[in-house]
Structure formats: structure tokens, C-alpha cells
Amino acid sequence: MGLLIDSSLFIAAERGHLSIERVIAGQEDEPLALSAVTASELLHGVYRAADPARRLRREQFVEAILRQFPVVEFDLEAARIHARLWAQLAADGKQIGAHDLLIAATAIALDFQVATADARDFPQIPDLRFQLWRRS
């Protein structure tokens, strides 16, 4: 089983609240990746930085992540899982962030866990295995 790392952990790491090395420690034998959705979220943060110096630091941080971890696509299998989960959650009256549901479906399709700091959305998603990491 692999580990799909959520943007919440990378954001916490950028802010100095969490060590990515700590997250992956002991899991080096497992595949580690991030979803294309997570890559988009991180790149969005680069483009939203108003201060040029901050944008450059953030861009360097994100590009280092994108070089270190493979990025997995949202494919047809993940789309099928996403549609099923979305319908199931809607029938249960639960709303999950759209990006989080895409990331969860990708992880389930790959038989991966999600490593996240998001204690709100991911725990509500059926069939999803996840690791909840807190600030250090």
C-alpha cells in the first residue's frame, strides 16, 4: 500500500509546523506520491502569493516537492470511485470539499492511504484509509 500526501501536510511543512520527513519516516518502502489535484492546489498557492519574494520562495518549495514525489493522475477508475462516493455522501447529507473527494477517490483507486492534516473531510469518506498528522 502506498501513501498519497495531501496538500495540507505540504502547507504545514512550508509554514514550519510539520516535517515531511517525519511523515514519511518508516514508510520509505511504500510508494509515496501526490495527486494531480494536490499539485494544482500547491501551484495555486504559488500564483496567489502577492509578494514577489514570497511567491519565489513558495515556487521553489513547490517545485522541490514536484521533483521529489511522483504525481498521479485522476483516471477513469478514480472517476468511477469518485462518482460512487459523491452519490453516497450526498444521499447521507454529507458535503465534502470537491478537491478532497477527488484526492480520496484517487487514493482508493490506487489502494493508497491519504496522509493529511484535514480532520474534517477525509474521515467522513467511506472506504478511505488515511493517516491524520498533526502539527509538530
N, C-alpha and C. Protein backbone atom coordinates (compact mmCIF):
# COMPACT_ATOMS: atom_id res chain seq x y z
N MET A 1 0.85 -1.18 0.00
CA MET A 1 0.00 0.00 0.00
C MET A 1 0.89 1.24 0.00
N GLY A 2 0.48 2.24 -0.72
CA GLY A 2 1.24 3.48 -0.80
C GLY A 2 0.61 4.58 0.02
N LEU A 3 1.19 5.75 -0.11
CA LEU A 3 0.74 6.92 0.64
C LEU A 3 0.63 8.11 -0.31
N LEU A 4 -0.57 8.68 -0.38
CA LEU A 4 -0.83 9.88 -1.17
C LEU A 4 -0.81 11.06 -0.21
N ILE A 5 0.12 11.96 -0.39
CA ILE A 5 0.31 13.06 0.56
C ILE A 5 -0.56 14.24 0.15
N ASP A 6 -1.39 14.69 1.08
CA ASP A 6 -2.32 15.79 0.85
C ASP A 6 -1.63 17.15 0.98
N SER A 7 -2.17 18.13 0.31
CA SER A 7 -1.58 19.48 0.33
C SER A 7 -1.53 20.06 1.74
N SER A 8 -2.44 19.66 2.62
CA SER A 8 -2.43 20.21 3.98
C SER A 8 -1.10 19.94 4.68
N LEU A 9 -0.49 18.80 4.40
CA LEU A 9 0.81 18.50 5.01
C LEU A 9 1.92 19.32 4.41
N PHE A 10 1.89 19.52 3.11
CA PHE A 10 2.91 20.35 2.47
C PHE A 10 2.79 21.80 2.92
N ILE A 11 1.57 22.28 3.07
CA ILE A 11 1.36 23.65 3.53
C ILE A 11 1.87 23.81 4.96
N ALA A 12 1.56 22.82 5.82
CA ALA A 12 2.07 22.86 7.19
C ALA A 12 3.60 22.83 7.21
N ALA A 13 4.18 22.05 6.31
CA ALA A 13 5.65 21.98 6.23
C ALA A 13 6.23 23.32 5.78
N GLU A 14 5.60 23.93 4.78
CA GLU A 14 6.09 25.23 4.31
C GLU A 14 6.07 26.27 5.43
N ARG A 15 5.07 26.19 6.27
CA ARG A 15 4.93 27.14 7.38
C ARG A 15 5.77 26.77 8.59
N GLY A 16 6.50 25.64 8.50
CA GLY A 16 7.37 25.22 9.60
C GLY A 16 6.65 24.51 10.72
N HIS A 17 5.42 24.06 10.49
CA HIS A 17 4.63 23.41 11.53
C HIS A 17 4.74 21.89 11.51
N LEU A 18 5.34 21.33 10.48
CA LEU A 18 5.38 19.88 10.34
C LEU A 18 6.56 19.51 9.44
N SER A 19 7.15 18.38 9.71
CA SER A 19 8.25 17.89 8.89
C SER A 19 7.75 16.78 7.97
N ILE A 20 7.90 16.98 6.66
CA ILE A 20 7.52 15.94 5.69
C ILE A 20 8.37 14.71 5.93
N GLU A 21 9.62 14.90 6.30
CA GLU A 21 10.49 13.76 6.59
C GLU A 21 9.90 12.92 7.72
N ARG A 22 9.29 13.57 8.70
CA ARG A 22 8.64 12.85 9.81
C ARG A 22 7.43 12.07 9.30
N VAL A 23 6.70 12.64 8.37
CA VAL A 23 5.52 11.98 7.82
C VAL A 23 5.92 10.69 7.10
N ILE A 24 6.99 10.76 6.34
CA ILE A 24 7.36 9.60 5.52
C ILE A 24 8.32 8.66 6.23
N ALA A 25 8.83 9.05 7.40
CA ALA A 25 9.76 8.19 8.13
C ALA A 25 9.11 6.83 8.41
N GLY A 26 9.85 5.78 8.12
CA GLY A 26 9.36 4.43 8.34
C GLY A 26 8.49 3.91 7.21
N GLN A 27 8.22 4.76 6.22
CA GLN A 27 7.37 4.36 5.10
C GLN A 27 8.13 4.43 3.77
N GLU A 28 9.45 4.44 3.87
CA GLU A 28 10.27 4.58 2.66
C GLU A 28 10.11 3.42 1.69
N ASP A 29 9.68 2.27 2.19
CA ASP A 29 9.48 1.11 1.32
C ASP A 29 8.15 1.15 0.59
N GLU A 30 7.28 2.06 0.97
CA GLU A 30 5.97 2.21 0.35
C GLU A 30 6.05 3.26 -0.76
N PRO A 31 5.25 3.11 -1.81
CA PRO A 31 5.19 4.19 -2.81
C PRO A 31 4.62 5.47 -2.18
N LEU A 32 5.27 6.58 -2.44
CA LEU A 32 4.83 7.89 -1.96
C LEU A 32 4.55 8.76 -3.17
N ALA A 33 3.44 9.47 -3.15
CA ALA A 33 3.07 10.30 -4.30
C ALA A 33 2.13 11.41 -3.85
N LEU A 34 1.80 12.27 -4.79
CA LEU A 34 0.73 13.23 -4.58
C LEU A 34 -0.15 13.21 -5.81
N SER A 35 -1.39 13.58 -5.63
CA SER A 35 -2.33 13.57 -6.75
C SER A 35 -2.13 14.83 -7.59
N ALA A 36 -2.58 14.76 -8.82
CA ALA A 36 -2.54 15.94 -9.69
C ALA A 36 -3.35 17.08 -9.08
N VAL A 37 -4.40 16.74 -8.34
CA VAL A 37 -5.21 17.76 -7.67
C VAL A 37 -4.38 18.47 -6.61
N THR A 38 -3.61 17.71 -5.85
CA THR A 38 -2.73 18.31 -4.84
C THR A 38 -1.69 19.20 -5.50
N ALA A 39 -1.12 18.74 -6.61
CA ALA A 39 -0.16 19.58 -7.35
C ALA A 39 -0.81 20.89 -7.75
N SER A 40 -2.04 20.84 -8.23
CA SER A 40 -2.76 22.04 -8.63
C SER A 40 -2.99 22.97 -7.43
N GLU A 41 -3.37 22.38 -6.29
CA GLU A 41 -3.59 23.20 -5.09
C GLU A 41 -2.31 23.91 -4.67
N LEU A 42 -1.19 23.20 -4.71
CA LEU A 42 0.08 23.81 -4.33
C LEU A 42 0.50 24.90 -5.31
N LEU A 43 0.35 24.64 -6.59
CA LEU A 43 0.68 25.64 -7.60
C LEU A 43 -0.24 26.86 -7.51
N HIS A 44 -1.49 26.63 -7.18
CA HIS A 44 -2.43 27.73 -6.96
C HIS A 44 -1.91 28.66 -5.87
N GLY A 45 -1.37 28.06 -4.80
CA GLY A 45 -0.79 28.86 -3.73
C GLY A 45 0.37 29.71 -4.19
N VAL A 46 1.16 29.21 -5.14
CA VAL A 46 2.25 29.99 -5.71
C VAL A 46 1.69 31.22 -6.41
N TYR A 47 0.70 31.02 -7.27
CA TYR A 47 0.15 32.12 -8.05
C TYR A 47 -0.63 33.12 -7.21
N ARG A 48 -1.10 32.69 -6.04
CA ARG A 48 -1.85 33.60 -5.18
C ARG A 48 -0.97 34.46 -4.30
N ALA A 49 0.30 34.13 -4.18
CA ALA A 49 1.20 34.92 -3.33
C ALA A 49 1.36 36.31 -3.93
N ALA A 50 0.98 37.32 -3.18
CA ALA A 50 1.00 38.69 -3.68
C ALA A 50 2.41 39.28 -3.67
N ASP A 51 3.19 38.93 -2.68
CA ASP A 51 4.54 39.46 -2.54
C ASP A 51 5.50 38.66 -3.43
N PRO A 52 6.26 39.33 -4.30
CA PRO A 52 7.16 38.61 -5.22
C PRO A 52 8.18 37.71 -4.52
N ALA A 53 8.72 38.17 -3.40
CA ALA A 53 9.71 37.34 -2.68
C ALA A 53 9.04 36.09 -2.12
N ARG A 54 7.85 36.26 -1.59
CA ARG A 54 7.12 35.11 -1.05
C ARG A 54 6.74 34.14 -2.19
N ARG A 55 6.34 34.71 -3.31
CA ARG A 55 5.99 33.86 -4.45
C ARG A 55 7.20 33.03 -4.89
N LEU A 56 8.37 33.64 -4.95
CA LEU A 56 9.57 32.92 -5.35
C LEU A 56 9.91 31.82 -4.35
N ARG A 57 9.85 32.11 -3.04
CA ARG A 57 10.12 31.08 -2.03
C ARG A 57 9.12 29.94 -2.13
N ARG A 58 7.86 30.28 -2.30
CA ARG A 58 6.81 29.27 -2.40
C ARG A 58 6.99 28.44 -3.67
N GLU A 59 7.33 29.10 -4.76
CA GLU A 59 7.54 28.38 -6.01
C GLU A 59 8.70 27.38 -5.88
N GLN A 60 9.79 27.81 -5.26
CA GLN A 60 10.93 26.93 -5.06
C GLN A 60 10.54 25.73 -4.18
N PHE A 61 9.76 25.99 -3.15
CA PHE A 61 9.30 24.92 -2.26
C PHE A 61 8.43 23.92 -3.02
N VAL A 62 7.46 24.43 -3.78
CA VAL A 62 6.55 23.56 -4.52
C VAL A 62 7.28 22.79 -5.61
N GLU A 63 8.15 23.43 -6.34
CA GLU A 63 8.89 22.74 -7.39
C GLU A 63 9.78 21.64 -6.83
N ALA A 64 10.34 21.85 -5.63
CA ALA A 64 11.13 20.80 -4.97
C ALA A 64 10.24 19.60 -4.64
N ILE A 65 9.03 19.85 -4.20
CA ILE A 65 8.08 18.77 -3.92
C ILE A 65 7.76 18.01 -5.21
N LEU A 66 7.50 18.75 -6.27
CA LEU A 66 7.13 18.12 -7.54
C LEU A 66 8.28 17.31 -8.15
N ARG A 67 9.51 17.67 -7.80
CA ARG A 67 10.66 16.86 -8.24
C ARG A 67 10.84 15.62 -7.37
N GLN A 68 10.48 15.73 -6.10
CA GLN A 68 10.71 14.65 -5.14
C GLN A 68 9.67 13.54 -5.22
N PHE A 69 8.41 13.91 -5.46
CA PHE A 69 7.32 12.94 -5.41
C PHE A 69 6.64 12.80 -6.77
N PRO A 70 6.35 11.57 -7.17
CA PRO A 70 5.59 11.39 -8.41
C PRO A 70 4.18 11.96 -8.26
N VAL A 71 3.65 12.45 -9.35
CA VAL A 71 2.29 12.99 -9.37
C VAL A 71 1.41 11.99 -10.12
N VAL A 72 0.33 11.55 -9.47
CA VAL A 72 -0.57 10.58 -10.10
C VAL A 72 -1.81 11.28 -10.64
N GLU A 73 -2.26 10.80 -11.78
CA GLU A 73 -3.40 11.40 -12.46
C GLU A 73 -4.72 10.90 -11.90
N PHE A 74 -5.75 11.67 -12.14
CA PHE A 74 -7.13 11.27 -11.86
C PHE A 74 -7.60 10.56 -13.12
N ASP A 75 -7.76 9.24 -13.03
CA ASP A 75 -8.09 8.46 -14.22
C ASP A 75 -9.53 7.95 -14.17
N LEU A 76 -9.89 7.10 -15.12
CA LEU A 76 -11.27 6.61 -15.21
C LEU A 76 -11.66 5.79 -13.98
N GLU A 77 -10.75 4.96 -13.47
CA GLU A 77 -11.05 4.18 -12.26
C GLU A 77 -11.35 5.12 -11.09
N ALA A 78 -10.52 6.15 -10.93
CA ALA A 78 -10.76 7.13 -9.86
C ALA A 78 -12.08 7.86 -10.10
N ALA A 79 -12.41 8.15 -11.36
CA ALA A 79 -13.67 8.83 -11.69
C ALA A 79 -14.87 7.98 -11.28
N ARG A 80 -14.79 6.69 -11.51
CA ARG A 80 -15.89 5.80 -11.11
C ARG A 80 -16.05 5.78 -9.59
N ILE A 81 -14.94 5.69 -8.89
CA ILE A 81 -14.99 5.70 -7.42
C ILE A 81 -15.50 7.04 -6.92
N HIS A 82 -15.02 8.12 -7.52
CA HIS A 82 -15.46 9.46 -7.15
C HIS A 82 -16.97 9.60 -7.29
N ALA A 83 -17.51 9.16 -8.42
CA ALA A 83 -18.95 9.28 -8.66
C ALA A 83 -19.74 8.50 -7.61
N ARG A 84 -19.29 7.28 -7.29
CA ARG A 84 -19.97 6.47 -6.29
C ARG A 84 -19.93 7.13 -4.91
N LEU A 85 -18.75 7.60 -4.51
CA LEU A 85 -18.62 8.26 -3.21
C LEU A 85 -19.45 9.53 -3.14
N TRP A 86 -19.40 10.32 -4.19
CA TRP A 86 -20.13 11.58 -4.25
C TRP A 86 -21.61 11.32 -4.06
N ALA A 87 -22.15 10.32 -4.78
CA ALA A 87 -23.57 9.97 -4.67
C ALA A 87 -23.90 9.47 -3.26
N GLN A 88 -23.03 8.63 -2.73
CA GLN A 88 -23.26 8.06 -1.39
C GLN A 88 -23.25 9.15 -0.33
N LEU A 89 -22.28 10.04 -0.40
CA LEU A 89 -22.19 11.13 0.58
C LEU A 89 -23.39 12.07 0.45
N ALA A 90 -23.79 12.37 -0.78
CA ALA A 90 -24.95 13.23 -0.99
C ALA A 90 -26.21 12.59 -0.41
N ALA A 91 -26.37 11.29 -0.61
CA ALA A 91 -27.54 10.58 -0.07
C ALA A 91 -27.54 10.60 1.46
N ASP A 92 -26.34 10.64 2.04
CA ASP A 92 -26.21 10.71 3.50
C ASP A 92 -26.27 12.14 4.03
N GLY A 93 -26.43 13.11 3.13
CA GLY A 93 -26.50 14.51 3.53
C GLY A 93 -25.15 15.10 3.93
N LYS A 94 -24.06 14.50 3.46
CA LYS A 94 -22.72 14.98 3.82
C LYS A 94 -22.11 15.71 2.63
N GLN A 95 -21.45 16.82 2.93
CA GLN A 95 -20.73 17.56 1.89
C GLN A 95 -19.24 17.52 2.19
N ILE A 96 -18.49 17.12 1.21
CA ILE A 96 -17.03 17.04 1.31
C ILE A 96 -16.46 18.01 0.28
N GLY A 97 -15.36 18.64 0.62
CA GLY A 97 -14.71 19.51 -0.35
C GLY A 97 -14.45 18.77 -1.65
N ALA A 98 -14.72 19.43 -2.76
CA ALA A 98 -14.60 18.79 -4.08
C ALA A 98 -13.19 18.24 -4.31
N HIS A 99 -12.17 19.01 -3.96
CA HIS A 99 -10.79 18.55 -4.17
C HIS A 99 -10.48 17.35 -3.29
N ASP A 100 -10.93 17.40 -2.04
CA ASP A 100 -10.66 16.29 -1.13
C ASP A 100 -11.30 15.01 -1.63
N LEU A 101 -12.49 15.10 -2.19
CA LEU A 101 -13.15 13.90 -2.71
C LEU A 101 -12.40 13.34 -3.93
N LEU A 102 -11.86 14.21 -4.77
CA LEU A 102 -11.06 13.76 -5.91
C LEU A 102 -9.77 13.07 -5.44
N ILE A 103 -9.14 13.64 -4.44
CA ILE A 103 -7.92 13.06 -3.89
C ILE A 103 -8.24 11.71 -3.25
N ALA A 104 -9.32 11.64 -2.50
CA ALA A 104 -9.71 10.38 -1.85
C ALA A 104 -10.00 9.30 -2.89
N ALA A 105 -10.71 9.64 -3.94
CA ALA A 105 -11.03 8.67 -4.99
C ALA A 105 -9.76 8.17 -5.66
N THR A 106 -8.81 9.06 -5.88
CA THR A 106 -7.53 8.66 -6.47
C THR A 106 -6.81 7.69 -5.54
N ALA A 107 -6.79 7.99 -4.25
CA ALA A 107 -6.12 7.11 -3.29
C ALA A 107 -6.78 5.73 -3.26
N ILE A 108 -8.09 5.70 -3.23
CA ILE A 108 -8.81 4.42 -3.19
C ILE A 108 -8.52 3.62 -4.46
N ALA A 109 -8.53 4.28 -5.60
CA ALA A 109 -8.26 3.60 -6.87
C ALA A 109 -6.86 2.98 -6.88
N LEU A 110 -5.92 3.62 -6.23
CA LEU A 110 -4.53 3.14 -6.19
C LEU A 110 -4.28 2.17 -5.03
N ASP A 111 -5.27 2.01 -4.15
CA ASP A 111 -5.11 1.26 -2.90
C ASP A 111 -4.05 1.91 -2.03
N PHE A 112 -4.09 3.23 -1.97
CA PHE A 112 -3.19 4.04 -1.15
C PHE A 112 -3.97 4.59 0.05
N GLN A 113 -3.22 4.99 1.06
CA GLN A 113 -3.77 5.80 2.14
C GLN A 113 -3.55 7.27 1.78
N VAL A 114 -4.27 8.15 2.43
CA VAL A 114 -4.03 9.59 2.32
C VAL A 114 -3.37 10.04 3.61
N ALA A 115 -2.26 10.74 3.50
CA ALA A 115 -1.63 11.38 4.65
C ALA A 115 -2.11 12.82 4.65
N THR A 116 -2.73 13.25 5.73
CA THR A 116 -3.38 14.56 5.75
C THR A 116 -3.36 15.18 7.14
N ALA A 117 -3.58 16.47 7.19
CA ALA A 117 -3.82 17.17 8.45
C ALA A 117 -5.29 17.56 8.54
N ASP A 118 -6.08 17.15 7.57
CA ASP A 118 -7.51 17.51 7.49
C ASP A 118 -8.35 16.52 8.28
N ALA A 119 -8.72 16.91 9.48
CA ALA A 119 -9.53 16.04 10.34
C ALA A 119 -11.02 16.21 10.07
N ARG A 120 -11.38 17.10 9.15
CA ARG A 120 -12.79 17.37 8.90
C ARG A 120 -13.37 16.53 7.77
N ASP A 121 -12.77 16.56 6.60
CA ASP A 121 -13.36 15.91 5.44
C ASP A 121 -12.96 14.45 5.26
N PHE A 122 -11.68 14.16 5.26
CA PHE A 122 -11.23 12.81 4.92
C PHE A 122 -11.83 11.72 5.82
N PRO A 123 -11.98 11.95 7.13
CA PRO A 123 -12.57 10.88 7.95
C PRO A 123 -14.02 10.53 7.60
N GLN A 124 -14.71 11.38 6.88
CA GLN A 124 -16.10 11.12 6.51
C GLN A 124 -16.25 10.28 5.24
N ILE A 125 -15.16 10.03 4.55
CA ILE A 125 -15.23 9.39 3.24
C ILE A 125 -15.17 7.87 3.40
N PRO A 126 -16.24 7.18 2.98
CA PRO A 126 -16.26 5.71 3.10
C PRO A 126 -15.14 5.06 2.30
N ASP A 127 -14.63 3.97 2.82
CA ASP A 127 -13.60 3.15 2.16
C ASP A 127 -12.22 3.80 2.10
N LEU A 128 -12.07 5.00 2.62
CA LEU A 128 -10.78 5.68 2.56
C LEU A 128 -9.96 5.35 3.80
N ARG A 129 -8.74 4.91 3.56
CA ARG A 129 -7.79 4.75 4.66
C ARG A 129 -6.92 6.00 4.67
N PHE A 130 -6.68 6.52 5.86
CA PHE A 130 -5.91 7.76 5.94
C PHE A 130 -5.07 7.77 7.21
N GLN A 131 -4.04 8.59 7.17
CA GLN A 131 -3.22 8.87 8.33
C GLN A 131 -3.41 10.34 8.65
N LEU A 132 -3.81 10.63 9.86
CA LEU A 132 -4.01 12.01 10.28
C LEU A 132 -2.77 12.49 11.01
N TRP A 133 -2.14 13.52 10.45
CA TRP A 133 -0.93 14.07 11.04
C TRP A 133 -1.25 15.45 11.59
N ARG A 134 -0.76 15.69 12.77
CA ARG A 134 -0.93 16.98 13.44
C ARG A 134 0.37 17.76 13.37
N ARG A 135 0.23 19.03 13.62
CA ARG A 135 1.43 19.88 13.69
C ARG A 135 2.39 19.35 14.73
N SER A 136 3.67 19.53 14.46
CA SER A 136 4.68 19.09 15.44
C SER A 136 5.21 20.27 16.21
